[in-house]
Amino acid sequence: MDNYPQSNKIIEKLGRKMQELSTVTVLFHQKIAQNLGLNPTDHKCLDLIMKNDYMTAGELAQVTGLTTGAITGVIDRLEAKELVKREKDPNDRRKIVVVANKEMALKEVSPFFNSLGTAMNELFNQYSEKELHTILDFVTKSVEIVEGEVNK
């Protein structure tokens, strides 16, 4: 017998709520991108660059599935907003990498996350540490599943 017999109803509800969360997250990032004068792809590419310190156009294309031509447009738009700059690769001076202007990016993007961060912290504080570990496990595994689908 399964250690965790699950009700089909709760699994269905959870599935619907996960779909809602996915949709509202996309809409949230669309709103941020619009406020920055960008599109959501530009906004999320900036996020990738910031998390990796720097990336080549080819790496960005590979991670996002976009063509190198499309990535050139993304980089051009981000550079025009002074959110990134092109520099010589510190490991191979023949290559160009895209580096985030972290100070500018944080100044421009962070305000859109302030109220969300506050609300999420209030939500997190409603759960015990054990419950938070379970939620973290669920979210971590969910990310891995979706990344697997992206990389198929």
N, C-alpha and C. Protein backbone atom coordinates (compact mmCIF):
# COMPACT_ATOMS: atom_id res chain seq x y z
N MET A 1 0.84 -1.19 0.00
CA MET A 1 0.00 0.00 0.00
C MET A 1 0.88 1.25 0.00
N ASP A 2 0.44 2.25 -0.70
CA ASP A 2 1.16 3.52 -0.81
C ASP A 2 1.23 4.19 0.56
N ASN A 3 2.41 4.75 0.88
CA ASN A 3 2.56 5.46 2.16
C ASN A 3 1.73 6.72 2.21
N TYR A 4 1.41 7.30 1.07
CA TYR A 4 0.69 8.55 1.01
C TYR A 4 -0.50 8.43 0.07
N PRO A 5 -1.55 7.73 0.50
CA PRO A 5 -2.71 7.64 -0.39
C PRO A 5 -3.27 9.03 -0.64
N GLN A 6 -3.41 9.37 -1.89
CA GLN A 6 -3.83 10.71 -2.26
C GLN A 6 -5.26 10.71 -2.80
N SER A 7 -5.98 11.73 -2.45
CA SER A 7 -7.30 11.95 -2.99
C SER A 7 -7.15 12.55 -4.38
N ASN A 8 -7.86 11.98 -5.34
CA ASN A 8 -7.82 12.53 -6.69
C ASN A 8 -8.29 13.97 -6.71
N LYS A 9 -9.23 14.32 -5.83
CA LYS A 9 -9.75 15.69 -5.81
C LYS A 9 -8.67 16.69 -5.41
N ILE A 10 -7.88 16.38 -4.41
CA ILE A 10 -6.85 17.32 -3.98
C ILE A 10 -5.76 17.42 -5.04
N ILE A 11 -5.43 16.33 -5.69
CA ILE A 11 -4.43 16.36 -6.76
C ILE A 11 -4.93 17.20 -7.93
N GLU A 12 -6.21 17.06 -8.26
CA GLU A 12 -6.80 17.87 -9.34
C GLU A 12 -6.78 19.35 -8.96
N LYS A 13 -7.15 19.67 -7.71
CA LYS A 13 -7.13 21.06 -7.25
C LYS A 13 -5.71 21.62 -7.28
N LEU A 14 -4.76 20.83 -6.83
CA LEU A 14 -3.36 21.27 -6.84
C LEU A 14 -2.88 21.50 -8.27
N GLY A 15 -3.24 20.62 -9.17
CA GLY A 15 -2.88 20.79 -10.58
C GLY A 15 -3.43 22.08 -11.16
N ARG A 16 -4.70 22.37 -10.86
CA ARG A 16 -5.31 23.61 -11.35
C ARG A 16 -4.63 24.84 -10.74
N LYS A 17 -4.32 24.77 -9.46
CA LYS A 17 -3.65 25.90 -8.81
C LYS A 17 -2.24 26.10 -9.35
N MET A 18 -1.55 25.02 -9.68
CA MET A 18 -0.22 25.14 -10.27
C MET A 18 -0.32 25.80 -11.65
N GLN A 19 -1.35 25.45 -12.42
CA GLN A 19 -1.56 26.10 -13.72
C GLN A 19 -1.85 27.58 -13.52
N GLU A 20 -2.68 27.91 -12.54
CA GLU A 20 -2.99 29.32 -12.24
C GLU A 20 -1.73 30.07 -11.84
N LEU A 21 -0.90 29.45 -11.00
CA LEU A 21 0.33 30.08 -10.57
C LEU A 21 1.25 30.34 -11.77
N SER A 22 1.34 29.37 -12.65
CA SER A 22 2.16 29.53 -13.85
C SER A 22 1.67 30.71 -14.69
N THR A 23 0.37 30.78 -14.91
CA THR A 23 -0.20 31.85 -15.73
C THR A 23 -0.01 33.21 -15.08
N VAL A 24 -0.32 33.33 -13.80
CA VAL A 24 -0.22 34.62 -13.13
C VAL A 24 1.25 35.05 -13.03
N THR A 25 2.17 34.10 -12.94
CA THR A 25 3.60 34.43 -12.92
C THR A 25 4.03 35.01 -14.26
N VAL A 26 3.57 34.41 -15.35
CA VAL A 26 3.88 34.94 -16.68
C VAL A 26 3.31 36.36 -16.82
N LEU A 27 2.08 36.56 -16.37
CA LEU A 27 1.46 37.88 -16.45
C LEU A 27 2.20 38.91 -15.59
N PHE A 28 2.66 38.49 -14.43
CA PHE A 28 3.43 39.37 -13.54
C PHE A 28 4.71 39.83 -14.23
N HIS A 29 5.41 38.88 -14.84
CA HIS A 29 6.66 39.23 -15.53
C HIS A 29 6.40 40.05 -16.79
N GLN A 30 5.26 39.84 -17.44
CA GLN A 30 4.87 40.67 -18.57
C GLN A 30 4.69 42.12 -18.11
N LYS A 31 4.04 42.29 -16.97
CA LYS A 31 3.81 43.64 -16.42
C LYS A 31 5.14 44.32 -16.10
N ILE A 32 6.05 43.59 -15.47
CA ILE A 32 7.37 44.16 -15.15
C ILE A 32 8.09 44.55 -16.43
N ALA A 33 8.09 43.65 -17.40
CA ALA A 33 8.77 43.93 -18.66
C ALA A 33 8.19 45.18 -19.32
N GLN A 34 6.87 45.29 -19.35
CA GLN A 34 6.23 46.47 -19.95
C GLN A 34 6.66 47.74 -19.23
N ASN A 35 6.68 47.69 -17.90
CA ASN A 35 7.09 48.87 -17.12
C ASN A 35 8.55 49.25 -17.37
N LEU A 36 9.36 48.27 -17.76
CA LEU A 36 10.77 48.54 -18.06
C LEU A 36 10.97 48.91 -19.53
N GLY A 37 9.90 48.83 -20.32
CA GLY A 37 10.03 49.10 -21.76
C GLY A 37 10.67 47.95 -22.50
N LEU A 38 10.49 46.74 -21.96
CA LEU A 38 11.06 45.54 -22.55
C LEU A 38 9.95 44.55 -22.85
N ASN A 39 10.33 43.38 -23.34
CA ASN A 39 9.36 42.29 -23.43
C ASN A 39 9.77 41.23 -22.42
N PRO A 40 8.88 40.28 -22.14
CA PRO A 40 9.19 39.29 -21.09
C PRO A 40 10.46 38.48 -21.38
N THR A 41 10.74 38.21 -22.64
CA THR A 41 11.95 37.46 -22.96
C THR A 41 13.19 38.26 -22.57
N ASP A 42 13.18 39.56 -22.87
CA ASP A 42 14.31 40.42 -22.49
C ASP A 42 14.49 40.39 -20.97
N HIS A 43 13.39 40.53 -20.27
CA HIS A 43 13.41 40.57 -18.80
C HIS A 43 13.99 39.28 -18.23
N LYS A 44 13.56 38.14 -18.75
CA LYS A 44 14.04 36.87 -18.23
C LYS A 44 15.48 36.58 -18.66
N CYS A 45 15.89 37.07 -19.83
CA CYS A 45 17.29 36.94 -20.24
C CYS A 45 18.18 37.76 -19.31
N LEU A 46 17.73 38.94 -18.91
CA LEU A 46 18.46 39.74 -17.95
C LEU A 46 18.63 38.95 -16.65
N ASP A 47 17.58 38.29 -16.22
CA ASP A 47 17.63 37.47 -15.02
C ASP A 47 18.69 36.37 -15.16
N LEU A 48 18.72 35.70 -16.31
CA LEU A 48 19.71 34.65 -16.55
C LEU A 48 21.13 35.22 -16.50
N ILE A 49 21.33 36.34 -17.15
CA ILE A 49 22.66 36.96 -17.17
C ILE A 49 23.08 37.33 -15.76
N MET A 50 22.17 37.90 -14.99
CA MET A 50 22.51 38.30 -13.62
C MET A 50 22.87 37.09 -12.75
N LYS A 51 22.14 36.00 -12.93
CA LYS A 51 22.41 34.81 -12.12
C LYS A 51 23.73 34.14 -12.50
N ASN A 52 24.19 34.36 -13.72
CA ASN A 52 25.42 33.72 -14.19
C ASN A 52 26.61 34.68 -14.24
N ASP A 53 26.44 35.88 -13.77
CA ASP A 53 27.46 36.94 -13.82
C ASP A 53 27.71 37.43 -15.25
N TYR A 54 27.91 36.51 -16.18
CA TYR A 54 28.01 36.87 -17.59
C TYR A 54 27.72 35.64 -18.43
N MET A 55 27.31 35.88 -19.68
CA MET A 55 27.01 34.80 -20.61
C MET A 55 27.37 35.26 -22.02
N THR A 56 27.69 34.31 -22.88
CA THR A 56 27.86 34.64 -24.29
C THR A 56 26.47 34.62 -24.94
N ALA A 57 26.38 35.23 -26.11
CA ALA A 57 25.12 35.19 -26.85
C ALA A 57 24.74 33.75 -27.17
N GLY A 58 25.73 32.94 -27.50
CA GLY A 58 25.47 31.52 -27.80
C GLY A 58 24.91 30.77 -26.61
N GLU A 59 25.45 31.05 -25.42
CA GLU A 59 24.93 30.40 -24.21
C GLU A 59 23.49 30.82 -23.95
N LEU A 60 23.21 32.10 -24.12
CA LEU A 60 21.83 32.58 -23.94
C LEU A 60 20.90 31.92 -24.94
N ALA A 61 21.34 31.81 -26.17
CA ALA A 61 20.52 31.16 -27.21
C ALA A 61 20.26 29.71 -26.84
N GLN A 62 21.28 29.02 -26.38
CA GLN A 62 21.13 27.61 -26.01
C GLN A 62 20.16 27.43 -24.85
N VAL A 63 20.31 28.25 -23.82
CA VAL A 63 19.46 28.13 -22.63
C VAL A 63 18.01 28.47 -22.94
N THR A 64 17.79 29.49 -23.77
CA THR A 64 16.43 29.96 -24.03
C THR A 64 15.77 29.26 -25.21
N GLY A 65 16.57 28.65 -26.08
CA GLY A 65 16.01 28.05 -27.28
C GLY A 65 15.77 29.07 -28.39
N LEU A 66 16.20 30.31 -28.18
CA LEU A 66 16.05 31.35 -29.20
C LEU A 66 17.21 31.27 -30.19
N THR A 67 17.02 31.83 -31.36
CA THR A 67 18.11 31.88 -32.33
C THR A 67 19.14 32.91 -31.88
N THR A 68 20.34 32.80 -32.40
CA THR A 68 21.37 33.78 -32.05
C THR A 68 20.96 35.16 -32.56
N GLY A 69 20.24 35.22 -33.67
CA GLY A 69 19.75 36.51 -34.17
C GLY A 69 18.76 37.14 -33.21
N ALA A 70 17.86 36.33 -32.67
CA ALA A 70 16.89 36.84 -31.70
C ALA A 70 17.60 37.30 -30.43
N ILE A 71 18.60 36.55 -30.01
CA ILE A 71 19.36 36.92 -28.81
C ILE A 71 20.12 38.22 -29.03
N THR A 72 20.62 38.43 -30.25
CA THR A 72 21.29 39.71 -30.54
C THR A 72 20.32 40.86 -30.32
N GLY A 73 19.08 40.70 -30.74
CA GLY A 73 18.05 41.73 -30.51
C GLY A 73 17.79 41.94 -29.03
N VAL A 74 17.72 40.85 -28.27
CA VAL A 74 17.52 40.94 -26.82
C VAL A 74 18.66 41.74 -26.19
N ILE A 75 19.88 41.36 -26.54
CA ILE A 75 21.05 42.03 -25.96
C ILE A 75 21.06 43.51 -26.36
N ASP A 76 20.74 43.80 -27.60
CA ASP A 76 20.69 45.20 -28.05
C ASP A 76 19.69 46.01 -27.23
N ARG A 77 18.50 45.43 -26.99
CA ARG A 77 17.48 46.15 -26.21
C ARG A 77 17.92 46.35 -24.76
N LEU A 78 18.52 45.32 -24.18
CA LEU A 78 19.00 45.43 -22.79
C LEU A 78 20.15 46.43 -22.69
N GLU A 79 21.00 46.43 -23.70
CA GLU A 79 22.12 47.37 -23.70
C GLU A 79 21.63 48.80 -23.88
N ALA A 80 20.61 48.99 -24.71
CA ALA A 80 20.04 50.33 -24.91
C ALA A 80 19.47 50.89 -23.61
N LYS A 81 18.99 50.01 -22.74
CA LYS A 81 18.45 50.43 -21.44
C LYS A 81 19.54 50.48 -20.37
N GLU A 82 20.78 50.22 -20.79
CA GLU A 82 21.94 50.22 -19.90
C GLU A 82 21.85 49.17 -18.80
N LEU A 83 21.15 48.08 -19.09
CA LEU A 83 21.01 46.99 -18.13
C LEU A 83 22.11 45.94 -18.29
N VAL A 84 22.72 45.88 -19.48
CA VAL A 84 23.84 44.98 -19.74
C VAL A 84 24.86 45.71 -20.61
N LYS A 85 26.04 45.12 -20.68
CA LYS A 85 27.04 45.63 -21.61
C LYS A 85 27.83 44.44 -22.16
N ARG A 86 28.34 44.64 -23.36
CA ARG A 86 29.19 43.63 -23.99
C ARG A 86 30.63 43.90 -23.59
N GLU A 87 31.32 42.82 -23.20
CA GLU A 87 32.73 42.93 -22.81
C GLU A 87 33.50 41.75 -23.37
N LYS A 88 34.82 41.88 -23.39
CA LYS A 88 35.66 40.74 -23.80
C LYS A 88 35.59 39.68 -22.71
N ASP A 89 35.52 38.42 -23.12
CA ASP A 89 35.49 37.30 -22.20
C ASP A 89 36.79 37.29 -21.40
N PRO A 90 36.70 37.27 -20.06
CA PRO A 90 37.92 37.27 -19.25
C PRO A 90 38.77 36.00 -19.44
N ASN A 91 38.13 34.92 -19.94
CA ASN A 91 38.85 33.66 -20.13
C ASN A 91 39.33 33.46 -21.56
N ASP A 92 38.76 34.21 -22.50
CA ASP A 92 39.12 34.09 -23.91
C ASP A 92 38.86 35.43 -24.58
N ARG A 93 39.87 36.24 -24.69
CA ARG A 93 39.71 37.62 -25.16
C ARG A 93 39.16 37.73 -26.57
N ARG A 94 39.09 36.61 -27.30
CA ARG A 94 38.51 36.63 -28.65
C ARG A 94 36.99 36.63 -28.61
N LYS A 95 36.43 36.22 -27.49
CA LYS A 95 34.98 36.12 -27.35
C LYS A 95 34.41 37.36 -26.67
N ILE A 96 33.14 37.59 -26.91
CA ILE A 96 32.40 38.67 -26.25
C ILE A 96 31.39 38.03 -25.30
N VAL A 97 31.31 38.58 -24.11
CA VAL A 97 30.31 38.13 -23.15
C VAL A 97 29.37 39.29 -22.83
N VAL A 98 28.21 38.94 -22.35
CA VAL A 98 27.23 39.94 -21.93
C VAL A 98 27.24 39.95 -20.41
N VAL A 99 27.46 41.13 -19.85
CA VAL A 99 27.58 41.30 -18.40
C VAL A 99 26.45 42.22 -17.95
N ALA A 100 25.80 41.84 -16.87
CA ALA A 100 24.73 42.68 -16.32
C ALA A 100 25.32 43.90 -15.64
N ASN A 101 24.68 45.02 -15.84
CA ASN A 101 24.95 46.22 -15.05
C ASN A 101 24.09 46.05 -13.81
N LYS A 102 24.60 45.31 -12.83
CA LYS A 102 23.79 44.90 -11.68
C LYS A 102 23.22 46.09 -10.92
N GLU A 103 24.01 47.13 -10.76
CA GLU A 103 23.53 48.30 -10.02
C GLU A 103 22.29 48.88 -10.71
N MET A 104 22.38 49.08 -12.02
CA MET A 104 21.27 49.64 -12.78
C MET A 104 20.09 48.67 -12.81
N ALA A 105 20.39 47.39 -13.03
CA ALA A 105 19.31 46.39 -13.11
C ALA A 105 18.56 46.31 -11.79
N LEU A 106 19.29 46.28 -10.69
CA LEU A 106 18.62 46.21 -9.39
C LEU A 106 17.81 47.47 -9.12
N LYS A 107 18.36 48.62 -9.50
CA LYS A 107 17.64 49.89 -9.31
C LYS A 107 16.34 49.91 -10.11
N GLU A 108 16.39 49.38 -11.32
CA GLU A 108 15.22 49.41 -12.21
C GLU A 108 14.21 48.30 -11.89
N VAL A 109 14.69 47.11 -11.58
CA VAL A 109 13.81 45.94 -11.45
C VAL A 109 13.32 45.70 -10.02
N SER A 110 14.18 45.91 -9.03
CA SER A 110 13.84 45.58 -7.63
C SER A 110 12.53 46.20 -7.14
N PRO A 111 12.24 47.46 -7.47
CA PRO A 111 10.99 48.03 -6.94
C PRO A 111 9.74 47.22 -7.30
N PHE A 112 9.77 46.52 -8.43
CA PHE A 112 8.61 45.73 -8.84
C PHE A 112 8.41 44.49 -7.97
N PHE A 113 9.46 44.11 -7.24
CA PHE A 113 9.39 42.91 -6.42
C PHE A 113 9.23 43.21 -4.93
N ASN A 114 9.28 44.48 -4.54
CA ASN A 114 9.22 44.82 -3.12
C ASN A 114 7.94 44.33 -2.45
N SER A 115 6.78 44.69 -3.00
CA SER A 115 5.53 44.29 -2.35
C SER A 115 5.32 42.77 -2.43
N LEU A 116 5.76 42.17 -3.54
CA LEU A 116 5.65 40.72 -3.66
C LEU A 116 6.53 40.05 -2.61
N GLY A 117 7.75 40.53 -2.45
CA GLY A 117 8.65 39.96 -1.45
C GLY A 117 8.08 40.05 -0.04
N THR A 118 7.50 41.20 0.27
CA THR A 118 6.88 41.38 1.59
C THR A 118 5.72 40.40 1.78
N ALA A 119 4.86 40.32 0.78
CA ALA A 119 3.70 39.42 0.88
C ALA A 119 4.13 37.96 0.97
N MET A 120 5.15 37.58 0.21
CA MET A 120 5.62 36.19 0.26
C MET A 120 6.25 35.88 1.61
N ASN A 121 7.00 36.82 2.17
CA ASN A 121 7.57 36.59 3.51
C ASN A 121 6.48 36.43 4.55
N GLU A 122 5.42 37.21 4.44
CA GLU A 122 4.28 37.05 5.35
C GLU A 122 3.65 35.67 5.19
N LEU A 123 3.55 35.22 3.95
CA LEU A 123 3.01 33.88 3.70
C LEU A 123 3.93 32.80 4.29
N PHE A 124 5.24 32.90 4.02
CA PHE A 124 6.19 31.91 4.55
C PHE A 124 6.10 31.81 6.07
N ASN A 125 5.89 32.94 6.73
CA ASN A 125 5.85 32.95 8.19
C ASN A 125 4.59 32.31 8.76
N GLN A 126 3.66 31.93 7.91
CA GLN A 126 2.45 31.22 8.36
C GLN A 126 2.68 29.72 8.50
N TYR A 127 3.86 29.25 8.06
CA TYR A 127 4.15 27.82 8.05
C TYR A 127 5.27 27.49 9.02
N SER A 128 5.21 26.27 9.54
CA SER A 128 6.28 25.79 10.42
C SER A 128 7.53 25.52 9.58
N GLU A 129 8.66 25.37 10.27
CA GLU A 129 9.90 25.06 9.55
C GLU A 129 9.77 23.73 8.81
N LYS A 130 9.12 22.75 9.43
CA LYS A 130 8.94 21.45 8.78
C LYS A 130 8.08 21.61 7.52
N GLU A 131 7.01 22.39 7.61
CA GLU A 131 6.16 22.62 6.44
C GLU A 131 6.94 23.35 5.34
N LEU A 132 7.77 24.30 5.74
CA LEU A 132 8.57 25.03 4.76
C LEU A 132 9.55 24.10 4.05
N HIS A 133 10.12 23.13 4.77
CA HIS A 133 11.00 22.16 4.13
C HIS A 133 10.23 21.33 3.10
N THR A 134 9.00 20.97 3.42
CA THR A 134 8.17 20.22 2.48
C THR A 134 7.84 21.07 1.25
N ILE A 135 7.50 22.32 1.48
CA ILE A 135 7.19 23.24 0.37
C ILE A 135 8.44 23.43 -0.49
N LEU A 136 9.59 23.62 0.15
CA LEU A 136 10.84 23.79 -0.59
C LEU A 136 11.14 22.55 -1.43
N ASP A 137 10.93 21.38 -0.87
CA ASP A 137 11.14 20.14 -1.60
C ASP A 137 10.22 20.07 -2.81
N PHE A 138 8.96 20.41 -2.63
CA PHE A 138 7.98 20.38 -3.73
C PHE A 138 8.37 21.36 -4.83
N VAL A 139 8.71 22.58 -4.44
CA VAL A 139 9.05 23.60 -5.43
C VAL A 139 10.34 23.21 -6.17
N THR A 140 11.33 22.72 -5.43
CA THR A 140 12.60 22.30 -6.05
C THR A 140 12.36 21.20 -7.08
N LYS A 141 11.58 20.20 -6.70
CA LYS A 141 11.29 19.10 -7.62
C LYS A 141 10.44 19.57 -8.80
N SER A 142 9.54 20.53 -8.56
CA SER A 142 8.73 21.09 -9.65
C SER A 142 9.61 21.80 -10.66
N VAL A 143 10.57 22.58 -10.17
CA VAL A 143 11.50 23.27 -11.06
C VAL A 143 12.28 22.25 -11.89
N GLU A 144 12.75 21.19 -11.25
CA GLU A 144 13.51 20.16 -11.97
C GLU A 144 12.65 19.51 -13.06
N ILE A 145 11.39 19.25 -12.77
CA ILE A 145 10.50 18.64 -13.76
C ILE A 145 10.31 19.58 -14.95
N VAL A 146 10.03 20.85 -14.67
CA VAL A 146 9.81 21.81 -15.76
C VAL A 146 11.10 22.02 -16.55
N GLU A 147 12.25 22.12 -15.87
CA GLU A 147 13.52 22.23 -16.59
C GLU A 147 13.74 21.03 -17.50
N GLY A 148 13.35 19.85 -17.04
CA GLY A 148 13.45 18.67 -17.87
C GLY A 148 12.61 18.77 -19.12
N GLU A 149 11.44 19.35 -19.00
CA GLU A 149 10.57 19.54 -20.15
C GLU A 149 11.15 20.58 -21.12
N VAL A 150 11.74 21.62 -20.55
CA VAL A 150 12.36 22.66 -21.38
C VAL A 150 13.52 22.08 -22.18
N ASN A 151 14.26 21.21 -21.55
CA ASN A 151 15.48 20.66 -22.17
C ASN A 151 15.26 19.42 -23.02
N LYS A 152 14.03 19.03 -23.22
CA LYS A 152 13.74 17.85 -24.07
C LYS A 152 14.06 18.12 -25.51
